[in-house]
Amino acid sequence: MVTLGLDVSTNTVGYAFTEDKSILDMGFINISKQKTIKDKAYRVIEELDINKHTDDIDRIVVEDSLSGFAGGMTRMQTIIKLAKINAVMAFILEWKYQVTVELVNPNTVRKQVFGKARVKGIKAKDYVKQKVEEMFDTEEWCTITTRGNWSKQNLDMYDALVCSLYEAKD
């Protein structure tokens, strides 16, 4: 069963295709230049359509947007914008690929995949990076910036990978 995991944000969409807990492909799509939510969603579909694993998708799991403020670091407008993008993206993905999209809370996903959602004193993104790199050799998919640094957009790809590894409890 091929699972597509997505981490949708306003500027970048991380994606990961997995099958039987193995990575088939992953990366991220820059959507910062698209002005409208509709254009951002269509840009994602364009990129996914050229991936050789798209025709095999059995499940789509999307990291749900925040439902509250993250320690005072997230503005209300950002939460609303993310919720809109997730809703539009879920609708278009279901329509295009005829697969029901599962929107899952990031803490639920991390807890199920890693055994814990967080570790005190470690930022969530850093925790995900640490755990993913313990589980997989991801070097072939990670992007290095023109200055030779590890791209922070790889974190969106890692979040998408964790979504694709999530197994819903019935």
C-alpha atoms as a PDB file:
ATOM      1  CA  MET A   1       0.000   0.000   0.000  1.00  0.00           C
ATOM      2  CA  VAL A   2       1.482   3.327  -1.106  1.00  0.00           C
ATOM      3  CA  THR A   3       0.864   6.210   1.267  1.00  0.00           C
ATOM      4  CA  LEU A   4       1.353   9.868   0.409  1.00  0.00           C
ATOM      5  CA  GLY A   5       2.102  12.032   3.440  1.00  0.00           C
ATOM      6  CA  LEU A   6       1.892  15.806   3.181  1.00  0.00           C
ATOM      7  CA  ASP A   7       2.868  18.697   5.422  1.00  0.00           C
ATOM      8  CA  VAL A   8       1.109  21.749   4.003  1.00  0.00           C
ATOM      9  CA  SER A   9       2.173  25.264   4.948  1.00  0.00           C
ATOM     10  CA  THR A  10       1.824  28.669   3.326  1.00  0.00           C
ATOM     11  CA  ASN A  11       5.183  28.586   1.530  1.00  0.00           C
ATOM     12  CA  THR A  12       6.275  24.946   1.330  1.00  0.00           C
ATOM     13  CA  VAL A  13       4.566  21.574   1.031  1.00  0.00           C
ATOM     14  CA  GLY A  14       6.584  18.599   2.178  1.00  0.00           C
ATOM     15  CA  TYR A  15       5.655  15.265   0.616  1.00  0.00           C
ATOM     16  CA  ALA A  16       6.664  11.646   1.137  1.00  0.00           C
ATOM     17  CA  PHE A  17       5.644   8.439  -0.608  1.00  0.00           C
ATOM     18  CA  THR A  18       6.114   5.288   1.468  1.00  0.00           C
ATOM     19  CA  GLU A  19       5.253   1.632   1.101  1.00  0.00           C
ATOM     20  CA  ASP A  20       5.574  -0.929   3.907  1.00  0.00           C
ATOM     21  CA  LYS A  21       7.489   1.596   6.075  1.00  0.00           C
ATOM     22  CA  SER A  22      10.042   2.168   3.285  1.00  0.00           C
ATOM     23  CA  ILE A  23      10.632   5.519   1.613  1.00  0.00           C
ATOM     24  CA  LEU A  24       9.852   5.522  -2.107  1.00  0.00           C
ATOM     25  CA  ASP A  25      10.381   9.253  -2.625  1.00  0.00           C
ATOM     26  CA  MET A  26      10.153  12.496  -0.727  1.00  0.00           C
ATOM     27  CA  GLY A  27      10.840  16.169  -1.112  1.00  0.00           C
ATOM     28  CA  PHE A  28       9.224  19.553  -0.874  1.00  0.00           C
ATOM     29  CA  ILE A  29       7.393  21.902  -3.203  1.00  0.00           C
ATOM     30  CA  ASN A  30       7.956  25.642  -2.982  1.00  0.00           C
ATOM     31  CA  ILE A  31       4.602  27.423  -3.250  1.00  0.00           C
ATOM     32  CA  SER A  32       5.742  30.842  -2.023  1.00  0.00           C
ATOM     33  CA  LYS A  33       5.411  32.492  -5.436  1.00  0.00           C
ATOM     34  CA  GLN A  34       1.770  31.475  -5.920  1.00  0.00           C
ATOM     35  CA  LYS A  35      -0.545  34.246  -4.745  1.00  0.00           C
ATOM     36  CA  THR A  36      -3.871  32.481  -4.151  1.00  0.00           C
ATOM     37  CA  ILE A  37      -4.681  29.334  -2.211  1.00  0.00           C
ATOM     38  CA  LYS A  38      -6.147  27.825  -5.391  1.00  0.00           C
ATOM     39  CA  ASP A  39      -2.902  28.502  -7.286  1.00  0.00           C
ATOM     40  CA  LYS A  40      -0.860  26.991  -4.448  1.00  0.00           C
ATOM     41  CA  ALA A  41      -3.006  23.845  -4.515  1.00  0.00           C
ATOM     42  CA  TYR A  42      -2.734  23.514  -8.296  1.00  0.00           C
ATOM     43  CA  ARG A  43       1.039  23.951  -8.093  1.00  0.00           C
ATOM     44  CA  VAL A  44       1.210  21.039  -5.643  1.00  0.00           C
ATOM     45  CA  ILE A  45      -0.932  18.866  -7.925  1.00  0.00           C
ATOM     46  CA  GLU A  46       1.296  19.733 -10.909  1.00  0.00           C
ATOM     47  CA  GLU A  47       4.367  18.555  -9.000  1.00  0.00           C
ATOM     48  CA  LEU A  48       2.736  15.433  -7.605  1.00  0.00           C
ATOM     49  CA  ASP A  49       1.437  14.463 -11.055  1.00  0.00           C
ATOM     50  CA  ILE A  50       4.972  14.143 -12.432  1.00  0.00           C
ATOM     51  CA  ASN A  51       6.026  11.790  -9.621  1.00  0.00           C
ATOM     52  CA  LYS A  52       6.109   8.151 -10.726  1.00  0.00           C
ATOM     53  CA  HIS A  53       4.463   6.994  -7.462  1.00  0.00           C
ATOM     54  CA  THR A  54       1.341   9.150  -7.816  1.00  0.00           C
ATOM     55  CA  ASP A  55      -0.592   6.533  -9.802  1.00  0.00           C
ATOM     56  CA  ASP A  56      -0.111   4.023  -6.966  1.00  0.00           C
ATOM     57  CA  ILE A  57      -1.504   6.125  -4.075  1.00  0.00           C
ATOM     58  CA  ASP A  58      -3.777   4.117  -1.753  1.00  0.00           C
ATOM     59  CA  ARG A  59      -3.806   6.550   1.203  1.00  0.00           C
ATOM     60  CA  ILE A  60      -3.217  10.258   1.697  1.00  0.00           C
ATOM     61  CA  VAL A  61      -2.377  11.547   5.178  1.00  0.00           C
ATOM     62  CA  VAL A  62      -2.073  15.300   5.729  1.00  0.00           C
ATOM     63  CA  GLU A  63      -0.746  16.940   8.868  1.00  0.00           C
ATOM     64  CA  ASP A  64      -3.674  18.941  10.196  1.00  0.00           C
ATOM     65  CA  SER A  65      -3.264  22.656  10.815  1.00  0.00           C
ATOM     66  CA  LEU A  66      -2.872  24.079  14.282  1.00  0.00           C
ATOM     67  CA  SER A  67      -6.060  24.474  16.233  1.00  0.00           C
ATOM     68  CA  GLY A  68      -4.563  26.749  18.869  1.00  0.00           C
ATOM     69  CA  PHE A  69      -1.661  29.028  19.555  1.00  0.00           C
ATOM     70  CA  ALA A  70       1.765  27.426  19.832  1.00  0.00           C
ATOM     71  CA  GLY A  71       3.088  29.024  22.995  1.00  0.00           C
ATOM     72  CA  GLY A  72       2.192  32.507  21.777  1.00  0.00           C
ATOM     73  CA  MET A  73       4.301  32.063  18.626  1.00  0.00           C
ATOM     74  CA  THR A  74       1.426  31.680  16.157  1.00  0.00           C
ATOM     75  CA  ARG A  75      -0.907  34.478  15.099  1.00  0.00           C
ATOM     76  CA  MET A  76      -4.643  33.955  14.590  1.00  0.00           C
ATOM     77  CA  GLN A  77      -4.351  34.994  10.921  1.00  0.00           C
ATOM     78  CA  THR A  78      -1.692  32.327  10.343  1.00  0.00           C
ATOM     79  CA  ILE A  79      -3.876  29.617  11.889  1.00  0.00           C
ATOM     80  CA  ILE A  80      -6.834  30.682   9.727  1.00  0.00           C
ATOM     81  CA  LYS A  81      -4.721  30.773   6.561  1.00  0.00           C
ATOM     82  CA  LEU A  82      -3.292  27.294   7.264  1.00  0.00           C
ATOM     83  CA  ALA A  83      -6.775  25.909   7.914  1.00  0.00           C
ATOM     84  CA  LYS A  84      -7.971  27.336   4.574  1.00  0.00           C
ATOM     85  CA  ILE A  85      -4.996  25.927   2.674  1.00  0.00           C
ATOM     86  CA  ASN A  86      -5.461  22.490   4.287  1.00  0.00           C
ATOM     87  CA  ALA A  87      -9.183  22.476   3.451  1.00  0.00           C
ATOM     88  CA  VAL A  88      -8.633  23.442  -0.191  1.00  0.00           C
ATOM     89  CA  MET A  89      -5.703  21.042  -0.526  1.00  0.00           C
ATOM     90  CA  ALA A  90      -7.697  18.139   0.972  1.00  0.00           C
ATOM     91  CA  PHE A  91     -10.632  18.826  -1.359  1.00  0.00           C
ATOM     92  CA  ILE A  92      -8.471  19.000  -4.486  1.00  0.00           C
ATOM     93  CA  LEU A  93      -6.441  15.905  -3.531  1.00  0.00           C
ATOM     94  CA  GLU A  94      -9.601  13.859  -2.938  1.00  0.00           C
ATOM     95  CA  TRP A  95     -11.137  15.049  -6.194  1.00  0.00           C
ATOM     96  CA  LYS A  96      -7.979  14.490  -8.259  1.00  0.00           C
ATOM     97  CA  TYR A  97      -6.820  11.132  -6.852  1.00  0.00           C
ATOM     98  CA  GLN A  98     -10.162   9.706  -5.661  1.00  0.00           C
ATOM     99  CA  VAL A  99      -8.630   8.834  -2.274  1.00  0.00           C
ATOM    100  CA  THR A 100     -10.043  10.059   1.031  1.00  0.00           C
ATOM    101  CA  VAL A 101      -7.645  12.452   2.747  1.00  0.00           C
ATOM    102  CA  GLU A 102      -6.941  11.764   6.419  1.00  0.00           C
ATOM    103  CA  LEU A 103      -6.228  14.989   8.348  1.00  0.00           C
ATOM    104  CA  VAL A 104      -4.271  14.020  11.457  1.00  0.00           C
ATOM    105  CA  ASN A 105      -2.987  16.061  14.383  1.00  0.00           C
ATOM    106  CA  PRO A 106       0.834  16.274  14.308  1.00  0.00           C
ATOM    107  CA  ASN A 107       1.112  15.191  17.966  1.00  0.00           C
ATOM    108  CA  THR A 108      -1.034  12.120  17.270  1.00  0.00           C
ATOM    109  CA  VAL A 109       1.164  11.206  14.309  1.00  0.00           C
ATOM    110  CA  ARG A 110       4.425  11.657  16.213  1.00  0.00           C
ATOM    111  CA  LYS A 111       3.170   9.708  19.214  1.00  0.00           C
ATOM    112  CA  GLN A 112       2.100   6.779  17.058  1.00  0.00           C
ATOM    113  CA  VAL A 113       5.268   6.720  14.902  1.00  0.00           C
ATOM    114  CA  PHE A 114       7.897   7.604  17.546  1.00  0.00           C
ATOM    115  CA  GLY A 115       6.176   6.540  20.780  1.00  0.00           C
ATOM    116  CA  LYS A 116       6.216  10.142  22.036  1.00  0.00           C
ATOM    117  CA  ALA A 117       4.883  13.372  20.581  1.00  0.00           C
ATOM    118  CA  ARG A 118       7.544  15.576  22.159  1.00  0.00           C
ATOM    119  CA  VAL A 119      10.514  15.630  24.473  1.00  0.00           C
ATOM    120  CA  LYS A 120      10.789  18.435  26.995  1.00  0.00           C
ATOM    121  CA  GLY A 121      13.444  20.959  26.040  1.00  0.00           C
ATOM    122  CA  ILE A 122      13.567  19.947  22.364  1.00  0.00           C
ATOM    123  CA  LYS A 123      11.625  21.829  19.702  1.00  0.00           C
ATOM    124  CA  ALA A 124       9.126  19.642  17.840  1.00  0.00           C
ATOM    125  CA  LYS A 125      10.883  20.089  14.463  1.00  0.00           C
ATOM    126  CA  ASP A 126      14.258  19.178  15.992  1.00  0.00           C
ATOM    127  CA  TYR A 127      12.716  16.115  17.644  1.00  0.00           C
ATOM    128  CA  VAL A 128      11.233  14.970  14.317  1.00  0.00           C
ATOM    129  CA  LYS A 129      14.597  15.492  12.575  1.00  0.00           C
ATOM    130  CA  GLN A 130      16.411  13.485  15.247  1.00  0.00           C
ATOM    131  CA  LYS A 131      13.949  10.582  15.185  1.00  0.00           C
ATOM    132  CA  VAL A 132      13.651  10.408  11.377  1.00  0.00           C
ATOM    133  CA  GLU A 133      17.442  10.351  10.998  1.00  0.00           C
ATOM    134  CA  GLU A 134      17.639   7.528  13.565  1.00  0.00           C
ATOM    135  CA  MET A 135      15.147   5.511  11.500  1.00  0.00           C
ATOM    136  CA  PHE A 136      16.293   6.242   7.919  1.00  0.00           C
ATOM    137  CA  ASP A 137      19.226   7.322   5.800  1.00  0.00           C
ATOM    138  CA  THR A 138      17.620  10.380   4.159  1.00  0.00           C
ATOM    139  CA  GLU A 139      20.696  11.898   2.545  1.00  0.00           C
ATOM    140  CA  GLU A 140      19.575  11.256  -1.047  1.00  0.00           C
ATOM    141  CA  TRP A 141      16.402  13.321  -0.552  1.00  0.00           C
ATOM    142  CA  CYS A 142      17.761  16.195   1.543  1.00  0.00           C
ATOM    143  CA  THR A 143      18.490  19.506  -0.117  1.00  0.00           C
ATOM    144  CA  ILE A 144      21.602  21.542   0.604  1.00  0.00           C
ATOM    145  CA  THR A 145      21.470  25.324   0.131  1.00  0.00           C
ATOM    146  CA  THR A 146      23.793  27.220  -2.198  1.00  0.00           C
ATOM    147  CA  ARG A 147      25.876  28.070   0.881  1.00  0.00           C
ATOM    148  CA  GLY A 148      26.274  24.386   1.703  1.00  0.00           C
ATOM    149  CA  ASN A 149      23.828  24.294   4.613  1.00  0.00           C
ATOM    150  CA  TRP A 150      21.045  21.797   5.262  1.00  0.00           C
ATOM    151  CA  SER A 151      17.822  23.404   3.976  1.00  0.00           C
ATOM    152  CA  LYS A 152      15.166  24.064   6.618  1.00  0.00           C
ATOM    153  CA  GLN A 153      12.564  23.025   4.011  1.00  0.00           C
ATOM    154  CA  ASN A 154      13.797  19.472   4.579  1.00  0.00           C
ATOM    155  CA  LEU A 155      11.928  19.671   7.907  1.00  0.00           C
ATOM    156  CA  ASP A 156       8.616  19.908   6.002  1.00  0.00           C
ATOM    157  CA  MET A 157       9.621  16.819   4.060  1.00  0.00           C
ATOM    158  CA  TYR A 158      10.412  15.023   7.345  1.00  0.00           C
ATOM    159  CA  ASP A 159       6.993  15.971   8.764  1.00  0.00           C
ATOM    160  CA  ALA A 160       5.405  14.583   5.600  1.00  0.00           C
ATOM    161  CA  LEU A 161       7.389  11.373   6.018  1.00  0.00           C
ATOM    162  CA  VAL A 162       6.085  10.947   9.550  1.00  0.00           C
ATOM    163  CA  CYS A 163       2.528  11.459   8.222  1.00  0.00           C
ATOM    164  CA  SER A 164       3.073   8.791   5.587  1.00  0.00           C
ATOM    165  CA  LEU A 165       4.239   6.333   8.263  1.00  0.00           C
ATOM    166  CA  TYR A 166       1.149   6.925  10.401  1.00  0.00           C
ATOM    167  CA  GLU A 167      -1.295   4.027  10.689  1.00  0.00           C
ATOM    168  CA  ALA A 168      -4.818   4.946  11.746  1.00  0.00           C
ATOM    169  CA  LYS A 169      -6.258   2.978  14.612  1.00  0.00           C
ATOM    170  CA  ASP A 170      -9.741   1.742  13.680  1.00  0.00           C
END
